[in-house]
């Protein structure tokens, strides 16, 4: 099962929000930044899989029919669009 149409390798922040929080396909945000960046601030509810270990995780997900897409502009664009960023305690976070 594909979470987004096959011809999309990148999605905008608005599309990511729609696919993870809206009524569209139930996609999952997976933050691939390193731990110190993740700890400083992330999208609420996002999973964490540092890029350094992502190949194994991506292979596992692909084997289950999922596919990965890149959110254009990453967390800086996410925050600039006014979406929440939280730290490891769930408080207001920052982008490292």
Protein backbone atom coordinates (compact mmCIF):
# COMPACT_ATOMS: atom_id res chain seq x y z
CA UNK A 1 0.00 0.00 0.00
CA UNK A 2 1.41 3.36 -0.99
CA UNK A 3 0.84 6.23 1.38
CA UNK A 4 0.99 8.83 -1.39
CA UNK A 5 0.64 8.67 -5.19
CA UNK A 6 3.60 6.86 -6.76
CA UNK A 7 4.73 9.80 -8.90
CA UNK A 8 5.40 12.01 -5.88
CA UNK A 9 8.86 11.92 -4.34
CA UNK A 10 8.40 15.19 -2.47
CA UNK A 11 5.43 16.75 -0.77
CA UNK A 12 4.87 20.25 0.54
CA UNK A 13 4.41 20.90 4.25
CA UNK A 14 0.70 21.48 3.57
CA UNK A 15 0.45 18.08 1.85
CA UNK A 16 2.32 16.41 4.71
CA UNK A 17 -0.11 17.91 7.21
CA UNK A 18 -3.08 16.83 5.10
CA UNK A 19 -1.77 13.27 4.78
CA UNK A 20 -0.85 12.91 8.45
CA UNK A 21 -3.58 14.86 10.20
CA UNK A 22 -6.37 15.21 7.68
CA UNK A 23 -8.88 12.83 6.21
CA UNK A 24 -6.50 11.62 3.47
CA UNK A 25 -4.37 8.48 3.62
CA UNK A 26 -2.93 7.92 7.10
CA UNK A 27 0.73 8.71 6.44
CA UNK A 28 3.32 8.93 9.22
CA UNK A 29 5.93 11.66 9.65
CA UNK A 30 9.37 10.15 10.20
CA UNK A 31 12.08 12.61 11.21
CA UNK A 32 15.50 11.49 9.93
CA UNK A 33 17.62 14.18 11.59
CA UNK A 34 20.19 13.21 14.19
CA UNK A 35 19.29 12.87 17.89
CA UNK A 36 20.41 16.35 19.03
CA UNK A 37 18.28 17.93 16.29
CA UNK A 38 15.31 15.70 17.17
CA UNK A 39 15.64 16.56 20.87
CA UNK A 40 15.65 20.31 20.16
CA UNK A 41 12.43 20.27 18.16
CA UNK A 42 10.21 18.10 15.99
CA UNK A 43 6.71 17.87 14.59
CA UNK A 44 4.29 16.57 17.22
CA UNK A 45 3.65 12.86 16.75
CA UNK A 46 6.55 12.33 14.34
CA UNK A 47 8.58 9.16 14.63
CA UNK A 48 12.37 9.26 14.79
CA UNK A 49 14.83 7.25 12.70
CA UNK A 50 18.19 8.98 12.25
CA UNK A 51 19.44 9.00 8.67
CA UNK A 52 22.50 7.05 9.84
CA UNK A 53 20.24 4.01 10.46
CA UNK A 54 17.53 4.67 7.92
CA UNK A 55 18.51 2.17 5.22
CA UNK A 56 17.45 -0.80 7.34
CA UNK A 57 14.21 0.87 8.39
CA UNK A 58 13.38 1.96 4.85
CA UNK A 59 13.91 -1.58 3.58
CA UNK A 60 11.57 -2.90 6.28
CA UNK A 61 8.87 -0.36 5.43
CA UNK A 62 9.23 -0.93 1.68
CA UNK A 63 8.78 -4.65 2.31
CA UNK A 64 5.44 -3.79 3.90
CA UNK A 65 4.34 -1.76 0.89
CA UNK A 66 5.03 1.74 2.24
CA UNK A 67 7.14 4.32 0.49
CA UNK A 68 9.04 7.34 1.66
CA UNK A 69 8.69 10.90 0.42
CA UNK A 70 10.61 14.02 1.36
CA UNK A 71 8.82 16.99 2.90
CA UNK A 72 10.10 19.98 0.91
CA UNK A 73 12.15 22.34 3.07
CA UNK A 74 12.13 20.02 6.07
CA UNK A 75 11.55 21.24 9.60
CA UNK A 76 12.54 24.85 8.89
CA UNK A 77 9.74 25.13 6.33
CA UNK A 78 7.39 23.24 8.67
CA UNK A 79 8.01 25.78 11.45
CA UNK A 80 7.92 28.77 9.06
CA UNK A 81 4.45 27.64 7.94
CA UNK A 82 3.28 28.01 11.54
CA UNK A 83 3.07 24.32 12.43
CA UNK A 84 4.03 23.32 15.97
CA UNK A 85 7.54 22.23 16.94
CA UNK A 86 8.00 20.43 20.26
CA UNK A 87 10.98 19.25 22.30
CA UNK A 88 11.48 15.88 24.02
CA UNK A 89 9.15 16.95 26.86
CA UNK A 90 6.39 18.14 24.55
CA UNK A 91 7.16 21.80 25.24
CA UNK A 92 7.73 24.39 22.54
CA UNK A 93 10.90 23.38 20.69
CA UNK A 94 13.35 24.89 18.23
CA UNK A 95 14.98 23.81 15.00
CA UNK A 96 18.64 22.89 15.52
